[in-house]
Amino acid sequence: MKNTIKLAVTVVLVALCSSISAQTSKLAHISMQELIVSMPEYDSAMVKLQKVERELINTLEEMRVEYNRKLEDYSKNFENWSELVKQSKMDELQSMQNRTQAFQEQAQENFQMENQKIMQPIVEKANKAVETVAKAQEITYVISADTQVLIFKAVGTLDLLPAVKQHLGINK
């Protein structure tokens, strides 16, 4: 009987402690995407990425134009060429097609790496600002409002976006 009472008291104390700690937790949310897009560094990063993208697209387009030119030449002169020349021209076309495809794949990888390299400092600055503001306001948890995982926005959660923008000196 004594053990049962001790166990019941312990359960009540644990529940009470859990309730108290849950009440002291502060919850906030922020749209990291909106924060990052509003940062001045974002605009210059987009200019750099667009330059890289244009360069890659232009090179790919040049490769395609050259391939199409050679394909047209092959189609026009096919009847006049010997089998050896036909095979040589066909091999050249196949090689060009393979190089174009390989370049396209490498260009995508290159663009993704460049995107990560350019955006990483901006994301890190945004994360550090959120952390700084959350600590200053004694926020226990910050939830990203951008993810599709967020099913319910609790009434009373604090939107950190205005405070973090102010911390970073953003007036947008």
C-alpha atoms as a PDB file:
ATOM      1  CA  MET A   1       0.000   0.000   0.000  1.00  0.00           C
ATOM      2  CA  LYS A   2       2.842   2.379   0.907  1.00  0.00           C
ATOM      3  CA  ASN A   3       4.580   1.566  -2.394  1.00  0.00           C
ATOM      4  CA  THR A   4       1.363   2.237  -4.310  1.00  0.00           C
ATOM      5  CA  ILE A   5       1.024   5.654  -2.670  1.00  0.00           C
ATOM      6  CA  LYS A   6       4.699   6.446  -3.388  1.00  0.00           C
ATOM      7  CA  LEU A   7       4.227   5.372  -7.001  1.00  0.00           C
ATOM      8  CA  ALA A   8       1.092   7.511  -7.358  1.00  0.00           C
ATOM      9  CA  VAL A   9       2.851  10.534  -5.851  1.00  0.00           C
ATOM     10  CA  THR A  10       5.835   9.982  -8.158  1.00  0.00           C
ATOM     11  CA  VAL A  11       3.564   9.782 -11.224  1.00  0.00           C
ATOM     12  CA  VAL A  12       1.795  12.994 -10.172  1.00  0.00           C
ATOM     13  CA  LEU A  13       5.139  14.764  -9.610  1.00  0.00           C
ATOM     14  CA  VAL A  14       6.481  13.633 -12.985  1.00  0.00           C
ATOM     15  CA  ALA A  15       3.288  14.788 -14.680  1.00  0.00           C
ATOM     16  CA  LEU A  16       3.460  18.110 -12.842  1.00  0.00           C
ATOM     17  CA  CYS A  17       7.118  18.616 -13.806  1.00  0.00           C
ATOM     18  CA  SER A  18       6.339  17.772 -17.415  1.00  0.00           C
ATOM     19  CA  SER A  19       3.454  20.205 -17.389  1.00  0.00           C
ATOM     20  CA  ILE A  20       5.614  22.959 -15.902  1.00  0.00           C
ATOM     21  CA  SER A  21       8.432  22.400 -18.411  1.00  0.00           C
ATOM     22  CA  ALA A  22       5.936  22.372 -21.279  1.00  0.00           C
ATOM     23  CA  GLN A  23       4.528  25.677 -20.063  1.00  0.00           C
ATOM     24  CA  THR A  24       7.975  27.270 -20.020  1.00  0.00           C
ATOM     25  CA  SER A  25       8.694  26.252 -23.611  1.00  0.00           C
ATOM     26  CA  LYS A  26       8.135  29.019 -26.125  1.00  0.00           C
ATOM     27  CA  LEU A  27       7.253  28.173 -29.688  1.00  0.00           C
ATOM     28  CA  ALA A  28       7.839  30.359 -32.733  1.00  0.00           C
ATOM     29  CA  HIS A  29       7.678  29.963 -36.478  1.00  0.00           C
ATOM     30  CA  ILE A  30       9.433  31.623 -39.393  1.00  0.00           C
ATOM     31  CA  SER A  31       9.357  31.475 -43.164  1.00  0.00           C
ATOM     32  CA  MET A  32      13.024  30.910 -43.951  1.00  0.00           C
ATOM     33  CA  GLN A  33      12.301  31.182 -47.666  1.00  0.00           C
ATOM     34  CA  GLU A  34      10.748  34.623 -47.203  1.00  0.00           C
ATOM     35  CA  LEU A  35      13.647  35.685 -44.973  1.00  0.00           C
ATOM     36  CA  ILE A  36      16.310  34.550 -47.434  1.00  0.00           C
ATOM     37  CA  VAL A  37      14.561  36.133 -50.422  1.00  0.00           C
ATOM     38  CA  SER A  38      14.358  39.437 -48.515  1.00  0.00           C
ATOM     39  CA  MET A  39      18.080  39.498 -47.714  1.00  0.00           C
ATOM     40  CA  PRO A  40      20.160  41.878 -49.881  1.00  0.00           C
ATOM     41  CA  GLU A  41      22.703  39.133 -50.558  1.00  0.00           C
ATOM     42  CA  TYR A  42      20.005  37.084 -52.259  1.00  0.00           C
ATOM     43  CA  ASP A  43      19.672  39.482 -55.199  1.00  0.00           C
ATOM     44  CA  SER A  44      23.391  39.448 -55.976  1.00  0.00           C
ATOM     45  CA  ALA A  45      23.449  35.659 -55.579  1.00  0.00           C
ATOM     46  CA  MET A  46      20.622  35.347 -58.119  1.00  0.00           C
ATOM     47  CA  VAL A  47      22.539  37.561 -60.566  1.00  0.00           C
ATOM     48  CA  LYS A  48      25.581  35.269 -60.234  1.00  0.00           C
ATOM     49  CA  LEU A  49      23.487  32.136 -60.670  1.00  0.00           C
ATOM     50  CA  GLN A  50      21.690  33.558 -63.702  1.00  0.00           C
ATOM     51  CA  LYS A  51      25.068  34.371 -65.280  1.00  0.00           C
ATOM     52  CA  VAL A  52      26.266  30.800 -64.720  1.00  0.00           C
ATOM     53  CA  GLU A  53      22.984  29.433 -66.066  1.00  0.00           C
ATOM     54  CA  ARG A  54      23.130  31.629 -69.199  1.00  0.00           C
ATOM     55  CA  GLU A  55      26.702  30.552 -69.881  1.00  0.00           C
ATOM     56  CA  LEU A  56      25.812  26.879 -69.624  1.00  0.00           C
ATOM     57  CA  ILE A  57      22.649  27.252 -71.713  1.00  0.00           C
ATOM     58  CA  ASN A  58      24.509  29.198 -74.412  1.00  0.00           C
ATOM     59  CA  THR A  59      27.235  26.562 -74.631  1.00  0.00           C
ATOM     60  CA  LEU A  60      24.653  23.786 -74.827  1.00  0.00           C
ATOM     61  CA  GLU A  61      22.748  25.662 -77.525  1.00  0.00           C
ATOM     62  CA  GLU A  62      25.964  26.124 -79.539  1.00  0.00           C
ATOM     63  CA  MET A  63      26.599  22.390 -79.322  1.00  0.00           C
ATOM     64  CA  ARG A  64      23.056  21.639 -80.500  1.00  0.00           C
ATOM     65  CA  VAL A  65      23.292  24.090 -83.405  1.00  0.00           C
ATOM     66  CA  GLU A  66      26.550  22.495 -84.534  1.00  0.00           C
ATOM     67  CA  TYR A  67      25.026  19.015 -84.238  1.00  0.00           C
ATOM     68  CA  ASN A  68      21.954  20.052 -86.251  1.00  0.00           C
ATOM     69  CA  ARG A  69      24.167  21.655 -88.906  1.00  0.00           C
ATOM     70  CA  LYS A  70      26.169  18.442 -89.301  1.00  0.00           C
ATOM     71  CA  LEU A  71      22.997  16.341 -89.278  1.00  0.00           C
ATOM     72  CA  GLU A  72      21.545  18.471 -92.055  1.00  0.00           C
ATOM     73  CA  ASP A  73      24.785  18.111 -94.035  1.00  0.00           C
ATOM     74  CA  TYR A  74      24.649  14.359 -93.510  1.00  0.00           C
ATOM     75  CA  SER A  75      21.049  14.186 -94.725  1.00  0.00           C
ATOM     76  CA  LYS A  76      21.765  16.288 -97.829  1.00  0.00           C
ATOM     77  CA  ASN A  77      24.939  14.510 -98.884  1.00  0.00           C
ATOM     78  CA  PHE A  78      24.140  10.974 -97.750  1.00  0.00           C
ATOM     79  CA  GLU A  79      23.559   9.676-101.287  1.00  0.00           C
ATOM     80  CA  ASN A  80      26.810  11.125-102.616  1.00  0.00           C
ATOM     81  CA  TRP A  81      29.140   9.680-100.007  1.00  0.00           C
ATOM     82  CA  SER A  82      30.885   6.352 -99.961  1.00  0.00           C
ATOM     83  CA  GLU A  83      30.096   3.875 -97.187  1.00  0.00           C
ATOM     84  CA  LEU A  84      33.302   4.757 -95.361  1.00  0.00           C
ATOM     85  CA  VAL A  85      32.487   8.495 -95.376  1.00  0.00           C
ATOM     86  CA  LYS A  86      28.890   7.769 -94.337  1.00  0.00           C
ATOM     87  CA  GLN A  87      30.114   5.700 -91.403  1.00  0.00           C
ATOM     88  CA  SER A  88      32.655   8.332 -90.438  1.00  0.00           C
ATOM     89  CA  LYS A  89      30.002  11.075 -90.518  1.00  0.00           C
ATOM     90  CA  MET A  90      27.562   8.887 -88.554  1.00  0.00           C
ATOM     91  CA  ASP A  91      30.242   8.207 -85.920  1.00  0.00           C
ATOM     92  CA  GLU A  92      30.942  11.930 -85.714  1.00  0.00           C
ATOM     93  CA  LEU A  93      27.238  12.667 -85.193  1.00  0.00           C
ATOM     94  CA  GLN A  94      26.976   9.992 -82.514  1.00  0.00           C
ATOM     95  CA  SER A  95      30.058  11.341 -80.783  1.00  0.00           C
ATOM     96  CA  MET A  96      28.658  14.875 -80.860  1.00  0.00           C
ATOM     97  CA  GLN A  97      25.356  13.653 -79.458  1.00  0.00           C
ATOM     98  CA  ASN A  98      27.160  11.822 -76.636  1.00  0.00           C
ATOM     99  CA  ARG A  99      29.298  14.898 -75.833  1.00  0.00           C
ATOM    100  CA  THR A 100      26.207  17.110 -75.788  1.00  0.00           C
ATOM    101  CA  GLN A 101      24.394  14.750 -73.442  1.00  0.00           C
ATOM    102  CA  ALA A 102      27.457  14.466 -71.175  1.00  0.00           C
ATOM    103  CA  PHE A 103      27.824  18.250 -71.133  1.00  0.00           C
ATOM    104  CA  GLN A 104      24.172  18.677 -70.222  1.00  0.00           C
ATOM    105  CA  GLU A 105      24.527  16.283 -67.272  1.00  0.00           C
ATOM    106  CA  GLN A 106      27.749  17.956 -66.123  1.00  0.00           C
ATOM    107  CA  ALA A 107      26.151  21.383 -66.522  1.00  0.00           C
ATOM    108  CA  GLN A 108      23.283  20.389 -64.233  1.00  0.00           C
ATOM    109  CA  GLU A 109      25.710  19.107 -61.603  1.00  0.00           C
ATOM    110  CA  ASN A 110      27.872  22.200 -61.976  1.00  0.00           C
ATOM    111  CA  PHE A 111      24.881  24.506 -61.595  1.00  0.00           C
ATOM    112  CA  GLN A 112      23.692  22.686 -58.477  1.00  0.00           C
ATOM    113  CA  MET A 113      27.157  22.891 -56.908  1.00  0.00           C
ATOM    114  CA  GLU A 114      27.452  26.564 -57.821  1.00  0.00           C
ATOM    115  CA  ASN A 115      23.990  27.206 -56.382  1.00  0.00           C
ATOM    116  CA  GLN A 116      24.972  25.529 -53.132  1.00  0.00           C
ATOM    117  CA  LYS A 117      28.295  27.394 -52.983  1.00  0.00           C
ATOM    118  CA  ILE A 118      26.638  30.772 -53.559  1.00  0.00           C
ATOM    119  CA  MET A 119      23.601  30.213 -51.337  1.00  0.00           C
ATOM    120  CA  GLN A 120      25.308  28.480 -48.396  1.00  0.00           C
ATOM    121  CA  PRO A 121      26.692  31.663 -46.771  1.00  0.00           C
ATOM    122  CA  ILE A 122      23.282  33.325 -47.089  1.00  0.00           C
ATOM    123  CA  VAL A 123      21.478  30.362 -45.520  1.00  0.00           C
ATOM    124  CA  GLU A 124      24.063  30.200 -42.737  1.00  0.00           C
ATOM    125  CA  LYS A 125      23.646  33.927 -42.026  1.00  0.00           C
ATOM    126  CA  ALA A 126      19.859  33.509 -41.917  1.00  0.00           C
ATOM    127  CA  ASN A 127      20.124  30.497 -39.576  1.00  0.00           C
ATOM    128  CA  LYS A 128      22.510  32.358 -37.273  1.00  0.00           C
ATOM    129  CA  ALA A 129      20.172  35.363 -37.170  1.00  0.00           C
ATOM    130  CA  VAL A 130      17.205  33.136 -36.317  1.00  0.00           C
ATOM    131  CA  GLU A 131      19.244  31.472 -33.586  1.00  0.00           C
ATOM    132  CA  THR A 132      20.360  34.834 -32.171  1.00  0.00           C
ATOM    133  CA  VAL A 133      16.848  36.282 -32.109  1.00  0.00           C
ATOM    134  CA  ALA A 134      15.352  33.056 -30.723  1.00  0.00           C
ATOM    135  CA  LYS A 135      17.886  33.011 -27.888  1.00  0.00           C
ATOM    136  CA  ALA A 136      17.307  36.700 -27.152  1.00  0.00           C
ATOM    137  CA  GLN A 137      13.558  36.109 -26.933  1.00  0.00           C
ATOM    138  CA  GLU A 138      14.042  32.849 -24.995  1.00  0.00           C
ATOM    139  CA  ILE A 139      12.336  30.796 -27.702  1.00  0.00           C
ATOM    140  CA  THR A 140      12.662  27.059 -27.105  1.00  0.00           C
ATOM    141  CA  TYR A 141      11.524  25.799 -30.526  1.00  0.00           C
ATOM    142  CA  VAL A 142      11.438  27.469 -33.939  1.00  0.00           C
ATOM    143  CA  ILE A 143       9.410  25.735 -36.629  1.00  0.00           C
ATOM    144  CA  SER A 144       9.864  26.394 -40.323  1.00  0.00           C
ATOM    145  CA  ALA A 145       6.625  27.725 -41.776  1.00  0.00           C
ATOM    146  CA  ASP A 146       7.836  26.775 -45.286  1.00  0.00           C
ATOM    147  CA  THR A 147       7.731  23.014 -44.926  1.00  0.00           C
ATOM    148  CA  GLN A 148       4.726  21.015 -45.874  1.00  0.00           C
ATOM    149  CA  VAL A 149       5.196  19.032 -42.672  1.00  0.00           C
ATOM    150  CA  LEU A 150       3.608  21.799 -40.619  1.00  0.00           C
ATOM    151  CA  ILE A 151       0.005  20.693 -40.288  1.00  0.00           C
ATOM    152  CA  PHE A 152      -1.190  23.016 -37.588  1.00  0.00           C
ATOM    153  CA  LYS A 153      -0.073  26.499 -36.592  1.00  0.00           C
ATOM    154  CA  ALA A 154      -0.826  26.853 -32.934  1.00  0.00           C
ATOM    155  CA  VAL A 155      -2.520  30.027 -31.831  1.00  0.00           C
ATOM    156  CA  GLY A 156      -0.049  32.054 -29.884  1.00  0.00           C
ATOM    157  CA  THR A 157       3.079  31.005 -31.721  1.00  0.00           C
ATOM    158  CA  LEU A 158       5.408  33.868 -32.389  1.00  0.00           C
ATOM    159  CA  ASP A 159       6.361  34.772 -35.966  1.00  0.00           C
ATOM    160  CA  LEU A 160      10.095  35.465 -35.781  1.00  0.00           C
ATOM    161  CA  LEU A 161      10.374  36.826 -39.327  1.00  0.00           C
ATOM    162  CA  PRO A 162       9.893  40.511 -38.411  1.00  0.00           C
ATOM    163  CA  ALA A 163      12.368  40.318 -35.527  1.00  0.00           C
ATOM    164  CA  VAL A 164      14.994  38.477 -37.582  1.00  0.00           C
ATOM    165  CA  LYS A 165      14.599  40.935 -40.469  1.00  0.00           C
ATOM    166  CA  GLN A 166      15.074  43.778 -38.004  1.00  0.00           C
ATOM    167  CA  HIS A 167      18.148  42.020 -36.571  1.00  0.00           C
ATOM    168  CA  LEU A 168      19.615  41.780 -40.088  1.00  0.00           C
ATOM    169  CA  GLY A 169      18.628  45.379 -40.927  1.00  0.00           C
ATOM    170  CA  ILE A 170      16.162  44.357 -43.652  1.00  0.00           C
ATOM    171  CA  ASN A 171      13.350  46.823 -44.226  1.00  0.00           C
ATOM    172  CA  LYS A 172      11.429  44.940 -46.944  1.00  0.00           C
END
